[in-house]
Amino acid sequence: MGELLYLEDVVSLACDRERCVGCGMCVIVCPHAVFELREGRAHMAARNRCMECGACMRNCPTGAISVEAGEGCVRGVINELLGIEGPCC
């Protein structure tokens, strides 16, 4: 199976490396391996893999990560897998 990507360069994900303390929670909770630690801080290694679930933002203790978490793309993917008609990202 190839790499999962969504629409290129449209994700609302942002990371303020200055606020990052390098705890690694974003790396742990991200289901699509968007983050990795570089030089002791979070780095978005694969930003276009982000499905905007918000897990990284909710688990970041310093608020260094922001994303407009919603169900749009996720709901579309799940509906498609379940065979339900409707828009998919």
N, C-alpha and C. Protein backbone atom coordinates (compact mmCIF):
# COMPACT_ATOMS: atom_id res chain seq x y z
N MET A 1 0.85 -1.19 0.00
CA MET A 1 0.00 0.00 0.00
C MET A 1 0.88 1.23 0.00
N GLY A 2 0.54 2.20 -0.80
CA GLY A 2 1.33 3.43 -0.91
C GLY A 2 1.09 4.36 0.26
N GLU A 3 1.81 5.45 0.26
CA GLU A 3 1.69 6.46 1.30
C GLU A 3 0.35 7.16 1.21
N LEU A 4 -0.31 7.33 2.37
CA LEU A 4 -1.59 8.02 2.42
C LEU A 4 -1.37 9.53 2.41
N LEU A 5 -1.92 10.20 1.41
CA LEU A 5 -1.85 11.64 1.34
C LEU A 5 -3.24 12.19 1.07
N TYR A 6 -3.50 13.36 1.56
CA TYR A 6 -4.77 14.02 1.30
C TYR A 6 -4.50 15.10 0.27
N LEU A 7 -5.30 16.10 0.18
CA LEU A 7 -5.05 17.17 -0.77
C LEU A 7 -3.77 17.90 -0.40
N GLU A 8 -2.95 18.16 -1.36
CA GLU A 8 -1.64 18.76 -1.11
C GLU A 8 -1.73 20.20 -0.64
N ASP A 9 -1.01 20.50 0.43
CA ASP A 9 -0.85 21.85 0.97
C ASP A 9 -2.15 22.56 1.34
N VAL A 10 -3.14 21.84 1.81
CA VAL A 10 -4.38 22.48 2.25
C VAL A 10 -4.65 22.27 3.75
N VAL A 11 -3.89 21.42 4.39
CA VAL A 11 -4.10 21.12 5.80
C VAL A 11 -3.84 22.36 6.65
N SER A 12 -4.62 22.51 7.71
CA SER A 12 -4.50 23.69 8.58
C SER A 12 -3.46 23.49 9.69
N LEU A 13 -2.76 22.40 9.70
CA LEU A 13 -1.79 22.05 10.73
C LEU A 13 -0.62 23.04 10.77
N ALA A 14 -0.29 23.50 11.98
CA ALA A 14 0.86 24.38 12.18
C ALA A 14 1.56 23.99 13.47
N CYS A 15 2.86 24.16 13.50
CA CYS A 15 3.65 23.82 14.69
C CYS A 15 4.63 24.95 14.98
N ASP A 16 4.57 25.47 16.19
CA ASP A 16 5.48 26.53 16.63
C ASP A 16 6.65 25.87 17.35
N ARG A 17 7.74 25.68 16.65
CA ARG A 17 8.89 24.97 17.23
C ARG A 17 9.49 25.70 18.43
N GLU A 18 9.29 26.98 18.53
CA GLU A 18 9.82 27.74 19.68
C GLU A 18 9.08 27.37 20.96
N ARG A 19 7.80 27.03 20.86
CA ARG A 19 7.01 26.65 22.03
C ARG A 19 7.15 25.18 22.39
N CYS A 20 7.67 24.38 21.45
CA CYS A 20 7.81 22.94 21.64
C CYS A 20 8.87 22.64 22.70
N VAL A 21 8.55 21.69 23.59
CA VAL A 21 9.51 21.27 24.62
C VAL A 21 10.09 19.89 24.33
N GLY A 22 9.71 19.31 23.19
CA GLY A 22 10.29 18.03 22.79
C GLY A 22 9.78 16.82 23.54
N CYS A 23 8.55 16.89 24.06
CA CYS A 23 8.00 15.76 24.83
C CYS A 23 7.70 14.55 23.95
N GLY A 24 7.45 14.76 22.67
CA GLY A 24 7.19 13.67 21.75
C GLY A 24 5.75 13.16 21.72
N MET A 25 4.84 13.83 22.42
CA MET A 25 3.45 13.36 22.42
C MET A 25 2.85 13.39 21.02
N CYS A 26 3.18 14.38 20.22
CA CYS A 26 2.65 14.46 18.86
C CYS A 26 3.08 13.25 18.04
N VAL A 27 4.31 12.82 18.23
CA VAL A 27 4.83 11.65 17.52
C VAL A 27 4.06 10.40 17.95
N ILE A 28 3.77 10.31 19.23
CA ILE A 28 3.09 9.14 19.78
C ILE A 28 1.64 9.05 19.32
N VAL A 29 0.91 10.17 19.36
CA VAL A 29 -0.53 10.12 19.11
C VAL A 29 -0.94 10.27 17.65
N CYS A 30 -0.07 10.73 16.79
CA CYS A 30 -0.44 10.96 15.38
C CYS A 30 -0.62 9.62 14.66
N PRO A 31 -1.82 9.36 14.12
CA PRO A 31 -2.06 8.08 13.45
C PRO A 31 -1.41 7.97 12.08
N HIS A 32 -0.89 9.06 11.53
CA HIS A 32 -0.31 9.03 10.19
C HIS A 32 1.17 9.44 10.17
N ALA A 33 1.82 9.42 11.32
CA ALA A 33 3.25 9.70 11.41
C ALA A 33 3.64 11.03 10.73
N VAL A 34 2.88 12.06 11.04
CA VAL A 34 3.16 13.38 10.48
C VAL A 34 4.39 13.99 11.14
N PHE A 35 4.57 13.71 12.44
CA PHE A 35 5.64 14.35 13.20
C PHE A 35 6.81 13.42 13.47
N GLU A 36 7.96 14.05 13.65
CA GLU A 36 9.14 13.38 14.17
C GLU A 36 9.89 14.42 15.00
N LEU A 37 10.76 13.95 15.87
CA LEU A 37 11.56 14.87 16.66
C LEU A 37 12.88 15.12 15.93
N ARG A 38 13.21 16.38 15.76
CA ARG A 38 14.49 16.78 15.18
C ARG A 38 15.11 17.81 16.09
N GLU A 39 16.33 17.57 16.46
CA GLU A 39 17.06 18.47 17.36
C GLU A 39 16.26 18.76 18.62
N GLY A 40 15.57 17.74 19.12
CA GLY A 40 14.84 17.86 20.38
C GLY A 40 13.51 18.59 20.31
N ARG A 41 13.00 18.82 19.11
CA ARG A 41 11.72 19.53 18.95
C ARG A 41 10.89 18.86 17.84
N ALA A 42 9.58 19.08 17.91
CA ALA A 42 8.68 18.52 16.91
C ALA A 42 8.95 19.13 15.54
N HIS A 43 8.87 18.27 14.55
CA HIS A 43 9.04 18.69 13.16
C HIS A 43 7.97 17.99 12.34
N MET A 44 7.30 18.73 11.45
CA MET A 44 6.30 18.12 10.57
C MET A 44 7.02 17.49 9.39
N ALA A 45 7.29 16.21 9.49
CA ALA A 45 8.04 15.50 8.46
C ALA A 45 7.17 15.15 7.26
N ALA A 46 5.85 15.05 7.48
CA ALA A 46 4.94 14.66 6.40
C ALA A 46 3.60 15.38 6.58
N ARG A 47 3.62 16.68 6.47
CA ARG A 47 2.44 17.52 6.73
C ARG A 47 1.22 17.11 5.91
N ASN A 48 1.39 16.71 4.67
CA ASN A 48 0.26 16.37 3.81
C ASN A 48 -0.41 15.04 4.18
N ARG A 49 0.16 14.30 5.11
CA ARG A 49 -0.49 13.08 5.62
C ARG A 49 -1.55 13.40 6.65
N CYS A 50 -1.54 14.61 7.16
CA CYS A 50 -2.44 15.01 8.26
C CYS A 50 -3.90 14.90 7.84
N MET A 51 -4.71 14.24 8.69
CA MET A 51 -6.15 14.14 8.43
C MET A 51 -6.93 15.08 9.35
N GLU A 52 -6.22 15.97 10.03
CA GLU A 52 -6.81 17.01 10.88
C GLU A 52 -7.70 16.44 11.99
N CYS A 53 -7.26 15.34 12.59
CA CYS A 53 -8.04 14.73 13.68
C CYS A 53 -7.91 15.53 14.98
N GLY A 54 -6.80 16.25 15.14
CA GLY A 54 -6.60 17.09 16.31
C GLY A 54 -5.93 16.41 17.49
N ALA A 55 -5.56 15.14 17.36
CA ALA A 55 -4.94 14.42 18.47
C ALA A 55 -3.64 15.10 18.92
N CYS A 56 -2.84 15.55 17.99
CA CYS A 56 -1.57 16.20 18.34
C CYS A 56 -1.82 17.48 19.13
N MET A 57 -2.75 18.28 18.67
CA MET A 57 -3.06 19.55 19.33
C MET A 57 -3.60 19.33 20.74
N ARG A 58 -4.50 18.36 20.88
CA ARG A 58 -5.10 18.10 22.19
C ARG A 58 -4.10 17.53 23.19
N ASN A 59 -3.05 16.90 22.71
CA ASN A 59 -2.07 16.28 23.59
C ASN A 59 -0.79 17.09 23.76
N CYS A 60 -0.68 18.22 23.11
CA CYS A 60 0.51 19.06 23.23
C CYS A 60 0.42 19.88 24.52
N PRO A 61 1.34 19.66 25.46
CA PRO A 61 1.24 20.35 26.75
C PRO A 61 1.54 21.84 26.70
N THR A 62 2.17 22.32 25.63
CA THR A 62 2.52 23.74 25.55
C THR A 62 1.71 24.51 24.52
N GLY A 63 0.80 23.84 23.84
CA GLY A 63 0.00 24.51 22.83
C GLY A 63 0.81 24.91 21.60
N ALA A 64 1.88 24.16 21.32
CA ALA A 64 2.73 24.48 20.18
C ALA A 64 2.11 24.07 18.85
N ILE A 65 1.11 23.21 18.90
CA ILE A 65 0.50 22.70 17.67
C ILE A 65 -0.92 23.22 17.55
N SER A 66 -1.27 23.65 16.35
CA SER A 66 -2.64 24.08 16.10
C SER A 66 -3.13 23.42 14.80
N VAL A 67 -4.41 23.09 14.80
CA VAL A 67 -5.04 22.50 13.63
C VAL A 67 -6.54 22.73 13.76
N GLU A 68 -7.18 23.00 12.65
CA GLU A 68 -8.63 23.15 12.67
C GLU A 68 -9.22 21.75 12.59
N ALA A 69 -9.29 21.11 13.74
CA ALA A 69 -9.77 19.74 13.81
C ALA A 69 -11.25 19.68 13.49
N GLY A 70 -11.61 18.73 12.71
CA GLY A 70 -13.00 18.57 12.34
C GLY A 70 -13.23 17.17 11.83
N GLU A 71 -14.41 16.96 11.34
CA GLU A 71 -14.72 15.63 10.88
C GLU A 71 -14.82 15.53 9.37
N GLY A 72 -14.63 16.61 8.67
CA GLY A 72 -14.84 16.64 7.23
C GLY A 72 -14.17 15.52 6.47
N CYS A 73 -12.87 15.52 6.42
CA CYS A 73 -12.15 14.52 5.64
C CYS A 73 -12.29 13.14 6.27
N VAL A 74 -12.21 13.08 7.58
CA VAL A 74 -12.32 11.80 8.27
C VAL A 74 -13.69 11.17 8.00
N ARG A 75 -14.74 11.97 8.13
CA ARG A 75 -16.08 11.45 7.86
C ARG A 75 -16.19 10.96 6.42
N GLY A 76 -15.63 11.72 5.48
CA GLY A 76 -15.67 11.32 4.09
C GLY A 76 -14.98 10.00 3.84
N VAL A 77 -13.82 9.81 4.44
CA VAL A 77 -13.08 8.56 4.27
C VAL A 77 -13.85 7.39 4.87
N ILE A 78 -14.38 7.57 6.07
CA ILE A 78 -15.14 6.51 6.72
C ILE A 78 -16.39 6.17 5.92
N ASN A 79 -17.11 7.18 5.45
CA ASN A 79 -18.30 6.93 4.64
C ASN A 79 -17.95 6.16 3.37
N GLU A 80 -16.85 6.52 2.74
CA GLU A 80 -16.43 5.82 1.53
C GLU A 80 -16.14 4.35 1.84
N LEU A 81 -15.43 4.10 2.95
CA LEU A 81 -15.11 2.72 3.33
C LEU A 81 -16.36 1.91 3.64
N LEU A 82 -17.38 2.59 4.19
CA LEU A 82 -18.63 1.91 4.54
C LEU A 82 -19.59 1.84 3.36
N GLY A 83 -19.23 2.43 2.24
CA GLY A 83 -20.08 2.40 1.07
C GLY A 83 -21.23 3.40 1.11
N ILE A 84 -21.11 4.42 1.96
CA ILE A 84 -22.14 5.44 2.08
C ILE A 84 -21.84 6.56 1.09
N GLU A 85 -22.83 6.93 0.29
CA GLU A 85 -22.66 7.99 -0.69
C GLU A 85 -22.44 9.34 -0.02
N GLY A 86 -21.66 10.17 -0.62
CA GLY A 86 -21.43 11.51 -0.11
C GLY A 86 -20.05 11.98 -0.48
N PRO A 87 -19.75 13.24 -0.16
CA PRO A 87 -18.46 13.79 -0.53
C PRO A 87 -17.32 13.15 0.25
N CYS A 88 -16.21 13.00 -0.43
CA CYS A 88 -15.00 12.49 0.21
C CYS A 88 -13.87 13.46 -0.15
N CYS A 89 -12.98 13.67 0.77
CA CYS A 89 -11.90 14.63 0.54
C CYS A 89 -11.11 14.25 -0.68
